[in-house]
Amino acid sequence: CTTAEEARQRIRLGFWLMIREGSAAQNLDALLPLVQELHP
């Protein structure tokens, strides 16, 4: 997931969301607001 909307779709369907922060792909800043909103 690279956007909060993608992450929301997965959380709603019962997926476990792995928030990735690698060297090439860095998604933490984009996805953390959803965690702060929902605390899933």
PDB file of all heavy atoms in Angstrom:
ATOM      1  N   CYS A   1       0.833  -1.201   0.000  1.00  0.00           N
ATOM      2  CA  CYS A   1       0.000   0.000   0.000  1.00  0.00           C
ATOM      3  C   CYS A   1       0.868   1.251   0.000  1.00  0.00           C
ATOM      4  O   CYS A   1       1.783   1.383   0.816  1.00  0.00           O
ATOM      5  CB  CYS A   1      -0.913   0.019   1.217  1.00  0.00           C
ATOM      6  SG  CYS A   1      -2.140  -1.287   1.226  1.00  0.00           S
ATOM      7  N   THR A   2       0.551   2.169  -0.895  1.00  0.00           N
ATOM      8  CA  THR A   2       1.278   3.439  -0.948  1.00  0.00           C
ATOM      9  C   THR A   2       0.397   4.623  -0.587  1.00  0.00           C
ATOM     10  O   THR A   2       0.906   5.727  -0.374  1.00  0.00           O
ATOM     11  CB  THR A   2       1.880   3.658  -2.350  1.00  0.00           C
ATOM     12  OG1 THR A   2       0.820   3.674  -3.319  1.00  0.00           O
ATOM     13  CG2 THR A   2       2.860   2.545  -2.705  1.00  0.00           C
ATOM     14  N   THR A   3      -0.919   4.410  -0.527  1.00  0.00           N
ATOM     15  CA  THR A   3      -1.838   5.493  -0.169  1.00  0.00           C
ATOM     16  C   THR A   3      -2.741   5.041   0.978  1.00  0.00           C
ATOM     17  O   THR A   3      -2.991   3.851   1.171  1.00  0.00           O
ATOM     18  CB  THR A   3      -2.732   5.894  -1.357  1.00  0.00           C
ATOM     19  OG1 THR A   3      -3.647   4.813  -1.653  1.00  0.00           O
ATOM     20  CG2 THR A   3      -1.900   6.203  -2.589  1.00  0.00           C
ATOM     21  N   ALA A   4      -3.256   6.020   1.719  1.00  0.00           N
ATOM     22  CA  ALA A   4      -4.150   5.712   2.831  1.00  0.00           C
ATOM     23  C   ALA A   4      -5.428   5.038   2.351  1.00  0.00           C
ATOM     24  O   ALA A   4      -5.988   4.185   3.045  1.00  0.00           O
ATOM     25  CB  ALA A   4      -4.474   6.985   3.606  1.00  0.00           C
ATOM     26  N   GLU A   5      -5.894   5.388   1.146  1.00  0.00           N
ATOM     27  CA  GLU A   5      -7.114   4.783   0.631  1.00  0.00           C
ATOM     28  C   GLU A   5      -6.918   3.294   0.357  1.00  0.00           C
ATOM     29  O   GLU A   5      -7.789   2.475   0.672  1.00  0.00           O
ATOM     30  CB  GLU A   5      -7.573   5.496  -0.650  1.00  0.00           C
ATOM     31  CG  GLU A   5      -8.881   4.967  -1.222  1.00  0.00           C
ATOM     32  CD  GLU A   5     -10.014   4.918  -0.195  1.00  0.00           C
ATOM     33  OE1 GLU A   5     -10.105   5.828   0.655  1.00  0.00           O
ATOM     34  OE2 GLU A   5     -10.799   3.946  -0.248  1.00  0.00           O
ATOM     35  N   GLU A   6      -5.779   2.941  -0.252  1.00  0.00           N
ATOM     36  CA  GLU A   6      -5.476   1.516  -0.448  1.00  0.00           C
ATOM     37  C   GLU A   6      -5.437   0.790   0.893  1.00  0.00           C
ATOM     38  O   GLU A   6      -5.972  -0.313   1.036  1.00  0.00           O
ATOM     39  CB  GLU A   6      -4.117   1.358  -1.129  1.00  0.00           C
ATOM     40  CG  GLU A   6      -4.103   1.547  -2.620  1.00  0.00           C
ATOM     41  CD  GLU A   6      -2.718   1.267  -3.177  1.00  0.00           C
ATOM     42  OE1 GLU A   6      -1.734   1.882  -2.713  1.00  0.00           O
ATOM     43  OE2 GLU A   6      -2.610   0.420  -4.084  1.00  0.00           O
ATOM     44  N   ALA A   7      -4.785   1.403   1.871  1.00  0.00           N
ATOM     45  CA  ALA A   7      -4.661   0.778   3.183  1.00  0.00           C
ATOM     46  C   ALA A   7      -6.026   0.615   3.843  1.00  0.00           C
ATOM     47  O   ALA A   7      -6.319  -0.414   4.454  1.00  0.00           O
ATOM     48  CB  ALA A   7      -3.743   1.618   4.065  1.00  0.00           C
ATOM     49  N   ARG A   8      -6.889   1.619   3.706  1.00  0.00           N
ATOM     50  CA  ARG A   8      -8.227   1.547   4.300  1.00  0.00           C
ATOM     51  C   ARG A   8      -9.023   0.383   3.698  1.00  0.00           C
ATOM     52  O   ARG A   8      -9.712  -0.354   4.416  1.00  0.00           O
ATOM     53  CB  ARG A   8      -8.968   2.866   4.078  1.00  0.00           C
ATOM     54  CG  ARG A   8     -10.283   2.972   4.849  1.00  0.00           C
ATOM     55  CD  ARG A   8     -11.034   4.230   4.448  1.00  0.00           C
ATOM     56  NE  ARG A   8     -10.283   5.437   4.722  1.00  0.00           N
ATOM     57  CZ  ARG A   8     -10.322   6.078   5.881  1.00  0.00           C
ATOM     58  NH1 ARG A   8     -11.069   5.620   6.877  1.00  0.00           N
ATOM     59  NH2 ARG A   8      -9.606   7.179   6.050  1.00  0.00           N
ATOM     60  N   GLN A   9      -8.927   0.211   2.379  1.00  0.00           N
ATOM     61  CA  GLN A   9      -9.629  -0.898   1.732  1.00  0.00           C
ATOM     62  C   GLN A   9      -9.218  -2.229   2.337  1.00  0.00           C
ATOM     63  O   GLN A   9     -10.055  -3.110   2.592  1.00  0.00           O
ATOM     64  CB  GLN A   9      -9.325  -0.900   0.227  1.00  0.00           C
ATOM     65  CG  GLN A   9      -9.901   0.261  -0.553  1.00  0.00           C
ATOM     66  CD  GLN A   9      -9.355   0.303  -1.969  1.00  0.00           C
ATOM     67  OE1 GLN A   9      -8.696  -0.631  -2.434  1.00  0.00           O
ATOM     68  NE2 GLN A   9      -9.622   1.392  -2.674  1.00  0.00           N
ATOM     69  N   ARG A  10      -7.936  -2.396   2.561  1.00  0.00           N
ATOM     70  CA  ARG A  10      -7.440  -3.667   3.069  1.00  0.00           C
ATOM     71  C   ARG A  10      -7.830  -3.889   4.529  1.00  0.00           C
ATOM     72  O   ARG A  10      -8.230  -4.998   4.909  1.00  0.00           O
ATOM     73  CB  ARG A  10      -5.920  -3.734   2.874  1.00  0.00           C
ATOM     74  CG  ARG A  10      -5.567  -4.091   1.435  1.00  0.00           C
ATOM     75  CD  ARG A  10      -4.322  -3.407   0.921  1.00  0.00           C
ATOM     76  NE  ARG A  10      -4.072  -3.753  -0.480  1.00  0.00           N
ATOM     77  CZ  ARG A  10      -4.731  -3.212  -1.513  1.00  0.00           C
ATOM     78  NH1 ARG A  10      -5.696  -2.315  -1.309  1.00  0.00           N
ATOM     79  NH2 ARG A  10      -4.454  -3.586  -2.750  1.00  0.00           N
ATOM     80  N   ILE A  11      -7.735  -2.852   5.339  1.00  0.00           N
ATOM     81  CA  ILE A  11      -8.130  -2.979   6.741  1.00  0.00           C
ATOM     82  C   ILE A  11      -9.607  -3.331   6.851  1.00  0.00           C
ATOM     83  O   ILE A  11     -10.012  -4.177   7.657  1.00  0.00           O
ATOM     84  CB  ILE A  11      -7.808  -1.672   7.499  1.00  0.00           C
ATOM     85  CG1 ILE A  11      -6.286  -1.513   7.644  1.00  0.00           C
ATOM     86  CG2 ILE A  11      -8.479  -1.652   8.865  1.00  0.00           C
ATOM     87  CD1 ILE A  11      -5.850  -0.159   8.152  1.00  0.00           C
ATOM     88  N   ARG A  12     -10.431  -2.714   6.011  1.00  0.00           N
ATOM     89  CA  ARG A  12     -11.872  -2.995   6.037  1.00  0.00           C
ATOM     90  C   ARG A  12     -12.184  -4.449   5.686  1.00  0.00           C
ATOM     91  O   ARG A  12     -13.188  -5.010   6.148  1.00  0.00           O
ATOM     92  CB  ARG A  12     -12.604  -2.065   5.067  1.00  0.00           C
ATOM     93  CG  ARG A  12     -12.765  -0.642   5.577  1.00  0.00           C
ATOM     94  CD  ARG A  12     -13.413   0.248   4.530  1.00  0.00           C
ATOM     95  NE  ARG A  12     -13.761   1.556   5.076  1.00  0.00           N
ATOM     96  CZ  ARG A  12     -14.265   2.550   4.357  1.00  0.00           C
ATOM     97  NH1 ARG A  12     -14.462   2.395   3.049  1.00  0.00           N
ATOM     98  NH2 ARG A  12     -14.561   3.701   4.937  1.00  0.00           N
ATOM     99  N   LEU A  13     -11.332  -5.059   4.873  1.00  0.00           N
ATOM    100  CA  LEU A  13     -11.560  -6.442   4.453  1.00  0.00           C
ATOM    101  C   LEU A  13     -10.861  -7.453   5.355  1.00  0.00           C
ATOM    102  O   LEU A  13     -10.844  -8.650   5.059  1.00  0.00           O
ATOM    103  CB  LEU A  13     -11.097  -6.643   3.008  1.00  0.00           C
ATOM    104  CG  LEU A  13     -11.903  -5.880   1.942  1.00  0.00           C
ATOM    105  CD1 LEU A  13     -11.366  -6.186   0.547  1.00  0.00           C
ATOM    106  CD2 LEU A  13     -13.392  -6.218   2.019  1.00  0.00           C
ATOM    107  N   GLY A  14     -10.280  -6.974   6.458  1.00  0.00           N
ATOM    108  CA  GLY A  14      -9.687  -7.884   7.420  1.00  0.00           C
ATOM    109  C   GLY A  14      -8.239  -8.241   7.156  1.00  0.00           C
ATOM    110  O   GLY A  14      -7.671  -9.077   7.863  1.00  0.00           O
ATOM    111  N   PHE A  15      -7.635  -7.639   6.139  1.00  0.00           N
ATOM    112  CA  PHE A  15      -6.208  -7.857   5.926  1.00  0.00           C
ATOM    113  C   PHE A  15      -5.408  -7.268   7.092  1.00  0.00           C
ATOM    114  O   PHE A  15      -5.816  -6.283   7.712  1.00  0.00           O
ATOM    115  CB  PHE A  15      -5.731  -7.140   4.652  1.00  0.00           C
ATOM    116  CG  PHE A  15      -6.068  -7.830   3.364  1.00  0.00           C
ATOM    117  CD1 PHE A  15      -7.215  -7.485   2.661  1.00  0.00           C
ATOM    118  CD2 PHE A  15      -5.242  -8.800   2.835  1.00  0.00           C
ATOM    119  CE1 PHE A  15      -7.532  -8.084   1.463  1.00  0.00           C
ATOM    120  CE2 PHE A  15      -5.543  -9.407   1.631  1.00  0.00           C
ATOM    121  CZ  PHE A  15      -6.688  -9.061   0.940  1.00  0.00           C
ATOM    122  N   TRP A  16      -4.257  -7.844   7.342  1.00  0.00           N
ATOM    123  CA  TRP A  16      -3.261  -7.192   8.186  1.00  0.00           C
ATOM    124  C   TRP A  16      -2.469  -6.256   7.281  1.00  0.00           C
ATOM    125  O   TRP A  16      -1.973  -6.669   6.226  1.00  0.00           O
ATOM    126  CB  TRP A  16      -2.329  -8.215   8.817  1.00  0.00           C
ATOM    127  CG  TRP A  16      -2.952  -9.006   9.933  1.00  0.00           C
ATOM    128  CD1 TRP A  16      -3.847 -10.025   9.808  1.00  0.00           C
ATOM    129  CD2 TRP A  16      -2.709  -8.849  11.330  1.00  0.00           C
ATOM    130  NE1 TRP A  16      -4.192 -10.518  11.046  1.00  0.00           N
ATOM    131  CE2 TRP A  16      -3.499  -9.821  12.002  1.00  0.00           C
ATOM    132  CE3 TRP A  16      -1.896  -7.999  12.077  1.00  0.00           C
ATOM    133  CZ2 TRP A  16      -3.496  -9.944  13.388  1.00  0.00           C
ATOM    134  CZ3 TRP A  16      -1.891  -8.134  13.467  1.00  0.00           C
ATOM    135  CH2 TRP A  16      -2.689  -9.096  14.113  1.00  0.00           C
ATOM    136  N   LEU A  17      -2.371  -5.013   7.696  1.00  0.00           N
ATOM    137  CA  LEU A  17      -1.633  -4.021   6.933  1.00  0.00           C
ATOM    138  C   LEU A  17      -0.187  -3.987   7.406  1.00  0.00           C
ATOM    139  O   LEU A  17       0.091  -3.693   8.567  1.00  0.00           O
ATOM    140  CB  LEU A  17      -2.265  -2.640   7.100  1.00  0.00           C
ATOM    141  CG  LEU A  17      -1.500  -1.465   6.463  1.00  0.00           C
ATOM    142  CD1 LEU A  17      -1.509  -1.576   4.938  1.00  0.00           C
ATOM    143  CD2 LEU A  17      -2.090  -0.135   6.929  1.00  0.00           C
ATOM    144  N   MET A  18       0.738  -4.304   6.509  1.00  0.00           N
ATOM    145  CA  MET A  18       2.162  -4.143   6.790  1.00  0.00           C
ATOM    146  C   MET A  18       2.575  -2.766   6.274  1.00  0.00           C
ATOM    147  O   MET A  18       2.520  -2.523   5.068  1.00  0.00           O
ATOM    148  CB  MET A  18       2.984  -5.213   6.074  1.00  0.00           C
ATOM    149  CG  MET A  18       2.713  -6.651   6.484  1.00  0.00           C
ATOM    150  SD  MET A  18       3.766  -7.761   5.491  1.00  0.00           S
ATOM    151  CE  MET A  18       3.382  -9.351   6.231  1.00  0.00           C
ATOM    152  N   ILE A  19       2.956  -1.882   7.173  1.00  0.00           N
ATOM    153  CA  ILE A  19       3.439  -0.569   6.756  1.00  0.00           C
ATOM    154  C   ILE A  19       4.929  -0.684   6.457  1.00  0.00           C
ATOM    155  O   ILE A  19       5.716  -1.029   7.337  1.00  0.00           O
ATOM    156  CB  ILE A  19       3.181   0.496   7.821  1.00  0.00           C
ATOM    157  CG1 ILE A  19       1.674   0.664   8.048  1.00  0.00           C
ATOM    158  CG2 ILE A  19       3.806   1.833   7.431  1.00  0.00           C
ATOM    159  CD1 ILE A  19       1.314   1.719   9.075  1.00  0.00           C
ATOM    160  N   ARG A  20       5.287  -0.399   5.221  1.00  0.00           N
ATOM    161  CA  ARG A  20       6.661  -0.596   4.766  1.00  0.00           C
ATOM    162  C   ARG A  20       7.437   0.718   4.756  1.00  0.00           C
ATOM    163  O   ARG A  20       6.945   1.754   4.339  1.00  0.00           O
ATOM    164  CB  ARG A  20       6.648  -1.185   3.351  1.00  0.00           C
ATOM    165  CG  ARG A  20       8.022  -1.227   2.697  1.00  0.00           C
ATOM    166  CD  ARG A  20       7.960  -1.852   1.323  1.00  0.00           C
ATOM    167  NE  ARG A  20       7.038  -1.157   0.448  1.00  0.00           N
ATOM    168  CZ  ARG A  20       6.646  -1.622  -0.742  1.00  0.00           C
ATOM    169  NH1 ARG A  20       7.081  -2.794  -1.160  1.00  0.00           N
ATOM    170  NH2 ARG A  20       5.821  -0.928  -1.485  1.00  0.00           N
ATOM    171  N   GLU A  21       8.670   0.612   5.203  1.00  0.00           N
ATOM    172  CA  GLU A  21       9.597   1.741   5.107  1.00  0.00           C
ATOM    173  C   GLU A  21      10.955   1.158   4.726  1.00  0.00           C
ATOM    174  O   GLU A  21      11.774   0.798   5.575  1.00  0.00           O
ATOM    175  CB  GLU A  21       9.674   2.502   6.432  1.00  0.00           C
ATOM    176  CG  GLU A  21      10.473   3.777   6.379  1.00  0.00           C
ATOM    177  CD  GLU A  21       9.773   4.946   5.692  1.00  0.00           C
ATOM    178  OE1 GLU A  21       8.624   4.783   5.224  1.00  0.00           O
ATOM    179  OE2 GLU A  21      10.371   6.027   5.624  1.00  0.00           O
ATOM    180  N   GLY A  22      11.164   0.997   3.418  1.00  0.00           N
ATOM    181  CA  GLY A  22      12.418   0.455   2.928  1.00  0.00           C
ATOM    182  C   GLY A  22      13.352   1.565   2.493  1.00  0.00           C
ATOM    183  O   GLY A  22      13.176   2.731   2.840  1.00  0.00           O
ATOM    184  N   SER A  23      14.366   1.183   1.712  1.00  0.00           N
ATOM    185  CA  SER A  23      15.283   2.183   1.172  1.00  0.00           C
ATOM    186  C   SER A  23      14.724   2.790  -0.101  1.00  0.00           C
ATOM    187  O   SER A  23      14.859   3.982  -0.343  1.00  0.00           O
ATOM    188  CB  SER A  23      16.652   1.554   0.905  1.00  0.00           C
ATOM    189  OG  SER A  23      17.271   1.168   2.107  1.00  0.00           O
ATOM    190  N   ALA A  24      14.082   1.959  -0.942  1.00  0.00           N
ATOM    191  CA  ALA A  24      13.521   2.462  -2.193  1.00  0.00           C
ATOM    192  C   ALA A  24      12.060   2.847  -2.049  1.00  0.00           C
ATOM    193  O   ALA A  24      11.613   3.853  -2.579  1.00  0.00           O
ATOM    194  CB  ALA A  24      13.680   1.413  -3.294  1.00  0.00           C
ATOM    195  N   ALA A  25      11.280   2.050  -1.320  1.00  0.00           N
ATOM    196  CA  ALA A  25       9.844   2.311  -1.134  1.00  0.00           C
ATOM    197  C   ALA A  25       9.592   2.717   0.311  1.00  0.00           C
ATOM    198  O   ALA A  25       9.808   1.920   1.225  1.00  0.00           O
ATOM    199  CB  ALA A  25       9.035   1.071  -1.491  1.00  0.00           C
ATOM    200  N   GLN A  26       9.138   3.945   0.510  1.00  0.00           N
ATOM    201  CA  GLN A  26       8.941   4.492   1.854  1.00  0.00           C
ATOM    202  C   GLN A  26       7.498   4.964   1.991  1.00  0.00           C
ATOM    203  O   GLN A  26       7.103   5.964   1.406  1.00  0.00           O
ATOM    204  CB  GLN A  26       9.937   5.629   2.097  1.00  0.00           C
ATOM    205  CG  GLN A  26      11.385   5.174   1.967  1.00  0.00           C
ATOM    206  CD  GLN A  26      12.388   6.293   2.118  1.00  0.00           C
ATOM    207  OE1 GLN A  26      12.049   7.402   2.539  1.00  0.00           O
ATOM    208  NE2 GLN A  26      13.629   6.011   1.784  1.00  0.00           N
ATOM    209  N   ASN A  27       6.724   4.228   2.796  1.00  0.00           N
ATOM    210  CA  ASN A  27       5.281   4.472   2.859  1.00  0.00           C
ATOM    211  C   ASN A  27       4.779   4.881   4.235  1.00  0.00           C
ATOM    212  O   ASN A  27       3.582   5.097   4.411  1.00  0.00           O
ATOM    213  CB  ASN A  27       4.526   3.208   2.404  1.00  0.00           C
ATOM    214  CG  ASN A  27       5.040   2.647   1.092  1.00  0.00           C
ATOM    215  OD1 ASN A  27       5.372   1.474   0.997  1.00  0.00           O
ATOM    216  ND2 ASN A  27       5.138   3.494   0.072  1.00  0.00           N
ATOM    217  N   LEU A  28       5.671   4.974   5.208  1.00  0.00           N
ATOM    218  CA  LEU A  28       5.231   5.250   6.575  1.00  0.00           C
ATOM    219  C   LEU A  28       4.518   6.587   6.691  1.00  0.00           C
ATOM    220  O   LEU A  28       3.431   6.683   7.275  1.00  0.00           O
ATOM    221  CB  LEU A  28       6.431   5.203   7.528  1.00  0.00           C
ATOM    222  CG  LEU A  28       6.157   5.542   8.996  1.00  0.00           C
ATOM    223  CD1 LEU A  28       5.176   4.551   9.599  1.00  0.00           C
ATOM    224  CD2 LEU A  28       7.448   5.549   9.803  1.00  0.00           C
ATOM    225  N   ASP A  29       5.092   7.647   6.148  1.00  0.00           N
ATOM    226  CA  ASP A  29       4.488   8.971   6.289  1.00  0.00           C
ATOM    227  C   ASP A  29       3.098   9.032   5.678  1.00  0.00           C
ATOM    228  O   ASP A  29       2.195   9.695   6.207  1.00  0.00           O
ATOM    229  CB  ASP A  29       5.374  10.033   5.636  1.00  0.00           C
ATOM    230  CG  ASP A  29       6.619  10.349   6.467  1.00  0.00           C
ATOM    231  OD1 ASP A  29       7.021   9.488   7.276  1.00  0.00           O
ATOM    232  OD2 ASP A  29       7.179  11.444   6.306  1.00  0.00           O
ATOM    233  N   ALA A  30       2.899   8.326   4.553  1.00  0.00           N
ATOM    234  CA  ALA A  30       1.606   8.362   3.863  1.00  0.00           C
ATOM    235  C   ALA A  30       0.541   7.548   4.590  1.00  0.00           C
ATOM    236  O   ALA A  30      -0.647   7.895   4.551  1.00  0.00           O
ATOM    237  CB  ALA A  30       1.768   7.845   2.434  1.00  0.00           C
ATOM    238  N   LEU A  31       0.932   6.476   5.280  1.00  0.00           N
ATOM    239  CA  LEU A  31      -0.048   5.562   5.869  1.00  0.00           C
ATOM    240  C   LEU A  31      -0.304   5.810   7.348  1.00  0.00           C
ATOM    241  O   LEU A  31      -1.356   5.420   7.865  1.00  0.00           O
ATOM    242  CB  LEU A  31       0.405   4.109   5.666  1.00  0.00           C
ATOM    243  CG  LEU A  31       0.624   3.660   4.220  1.00  0.00           C
ATOM    244  CD1 LEU A  31       0.950   2.173   4.172  1.00  0.00           C
ATOM    245  CD2 LEU A  31      -0.591   3.965   3.353  1.00  0.00           C
ATOM    246  N   LEU A  32       0.630   6.458   8.042  1.00  0.00           N
ATOM    247  CA  LEU A  32       0.450   6.627   9.482  1.00  0.00           C
ATOM    248  C   LEU A  32      -0.794   7.434   9.849  1.00  0.00           C
ATOM    249  O   LEU A  32      -1.426   7.136  10.875  1.00  0.00           O
ATOM    250  CB  LEU A  32       1.698   7.262  10.103  1.00  0.00           C
ATOM    251  CG  LEU A  32       1.781   7.080  11.616  1.00  0.00           C
ATOM    252  CD1 LEU A  32       2.024   5.616  11.971  1.00  0.00           C
ATOM    253  CD2 LEU A  32       2.877   7.948  12.215  1.00  0.00           C
ATOM    254  N   PRO A  33      -1.194   8.459   9.072  1.00  0.00           N
ATOM    255  CA  PRO A  33      -2.431   9.170   9.436  1.00  0.00           C
ATOM    256  C   PRO A  33      -3.644   8.247   9.565  1.00  0.00           C
ATOM    257  O   PRO A  33      -4.527   8.509  10.393  1.00  0.00           O
ATOM    258  CB  PRO A  33      -2.606  10.176   8.293  1.00  0.00           C
ATOM    259  CG  PRO A  33      -1.213  10.447   7.832  1.00  0.00           C
ATOM    260  CD  PRO A  33      -0.500   9.126   7.949  1.00  0.00           C
ATOM    261  N   LEU A  34      -3.685   7.176   8.783  1.00  0.00           N
ATOM    262  CA  LEU A  34      -4.803   6.236   8.895  1.00  0.00           C
ATOM    263  C   LEU A  34      -4.751   5.493  10.232  1.00  0.00           C
ATOM    264  O   LEU A  34      -5.796   5.236  10.849  1.00  0.00           O
ATOM    265  CB  LEU A  34      -4.767   5.242   7.734  1.00  0.00           C
ATOM    266  CG  LEU A  34      -5.971   4.306   7.621  1.00  0.00           C
ATOM    267  CD1 LEU A  34      -7.234   5.094   7.294  1.00  0.00           C
ATOM    268  CD2 LEU A  34      -5.724   3.251   6.549  1.00  0.00           C
ATOM    269  N   VAL A  35      -3.557   5.150  10.683  1.00  0.00           N
ATOM    270  CA  VAL A  35      -3.406   4.520  11.995  1.00  0.00           C
ATOM    271  C   VAL A  35      -3.867   5.472  13.086  1.00  0.00           C
ATOM    272  O   VAL A  35      -4.566   5.083  14.024  1.00  0.00           O
ATOM    273  CB  VAL A  35      -1.936   4.099  12.223  1.00  0.00           C
ATOM    274  CG1 VAL A  35      -1.740   3.570  13.644  1.00  0.00           C
ATOM    275  CG2 VAL A  35      -1.516   3.044  11.200  1.00  0.00           C
ATOM    276  N   GLN A  36      -3.501   6.745  12.949  1.00  0.00           N
ATOM    277  CA  GLN A  36      -3.899   7.743  13.956  1.00  0.00           C
ATOM    278  C   GLN A  36      -5.400   7.988  13.947  1.00  0.00           C
ATOM    279  O   GLN A  36      -5.987   8.325  14.973  1.00  0.00           O
ATOM    280  CB  GLN A  36      -3.134   9.046  13.707  1.00  0.00           C
ATOM    281  CG  GLN A  36      -1.642   8.916  13.963  1.00  0.00           C
ATOM    282  CD  GLN A  36      -0.836  10.090  13.425  1.00  0.00           C
ATOM    283  OE1 GLN A  36      -0.958  10.449  12.257  1.00  0.00           O
ATOM    284  NE2 GLN A  36      -0.014  10.687  14.273  1.00  0.00           N
ATOM    285  N   GLU A  37      -6.022   7.783  12.799  1.00  0.00           N
ATOM    286  CA  GLU A  37      -7.472   7.955  12.693  1.00  0.00           C
ATOM    287  C   GLU A  37      -8.236   6.756  13.245  1.00  0.00           C
ATOM    288  O   GLU A  37      -9.178   6.906  14.032  1.00  0.00           O
ATOM    289  CB  GLU A  37      -7.865   8.172  11.235  1.00  0.00           C
ATOM    290  CG  GLU A  37      -9.368   8.240  11.001  1.00  0.00           C
ATOM    291  CD  GLU A  37      -9.757   8.146   9.527  1.00  0.00           C
ATOM    292  OE1 GLU A  37      -8.874   8.315   8.653  1.00  0.00           O
ATOM    293  OE2 GLU A  37     -10.952   7.877   9.250  1.00  0.00           O
ATOM    294  N   LEU A  38      -7.838   5.548  12.839  1.00  0.00           N
ATOM    295  CA  LEU A  38      -8.609   4.344  13.146  1.00  0.00           C
ATOM    296  C   LEU A  38      -8.054   3.528  14.314  1.00  0.00           C
ATOM    297  O   LEU A  38      -8.801   2.759  14.923  1.00  0.00           O
ATOM    298  CB  LEU A  38      -8.657   3.430  11.907  1.00  0.00           C
ATOM    299  CG  LEU A  38      -9.282   3.999  10.634  1.00  0.00           C
ATOM    300  CD1 LEU A  38      -9.200   2.982   9.508  1.00  0.00           C
ATOM    301  CD2 LEU A  38     -10.729   4.424  10.876  1.00  0.00           C
ATOM    302  N   HIS A  39      -6.753   3.632  14.573  1.00  0.00           N
ATOM    303  CA  HIS A  39      -6.082   2.777  15.554  1.00  0.00           C
ATOM    304  C   HIS A  39      -6.464   1.307  15.347  1.00  0.00           C
ATOM    305  O   HIS A  39      -6.891   0.628  16.285  1.00  0.00           O
ATOM    306  CB  HIS A  39      -6.404   3.224  16.986  1.00  0.00           C
ATOM    307  CG  HIS A  39      -6.019   4.644  17.260  1.00  0.00           C
ATOM    308  ND1 HIS A  39      -4.722   5.033  17.507  1.00  0.00           N
ATOM    309  CD2 HIS A  39      -6.774   5.785  17.276  1.00  0.00           C
ATOM    310  CE1 HIS A  39      -4.685   6.353  17.691  1.00  0.00           C
ATOM    311  NE2 HIS A  39      -5.899   6.826  17.544  1.00  0.00           N
ATOM    312  N   PRO A  40      -6.313   0.802  14.126  1.00  0.00           N
ATOM    313  CA  PRO A  40      -6.736  -0.565  13.839  1.00  0.00           C
ATOM    314  C   PRO A  40      -5.797  -1.588  14.479  1.00  0.00           C
ATOM    315  O   PRO A  40      -4.579  -1.344  14.609  1.00  0.00           O
ATOM    316  CB  PRO A  40      -6.648  -0.637  12.304  1.00  0.00           C
ATOM    317  CG  PRO A  40      -5.601   0.369  11.941  1.00  0.00           C
ATOM    318  CD  PRO A  40      -5.695   1.460  12.966  1.00  0.00           C
TER     319      PRO A  40
END
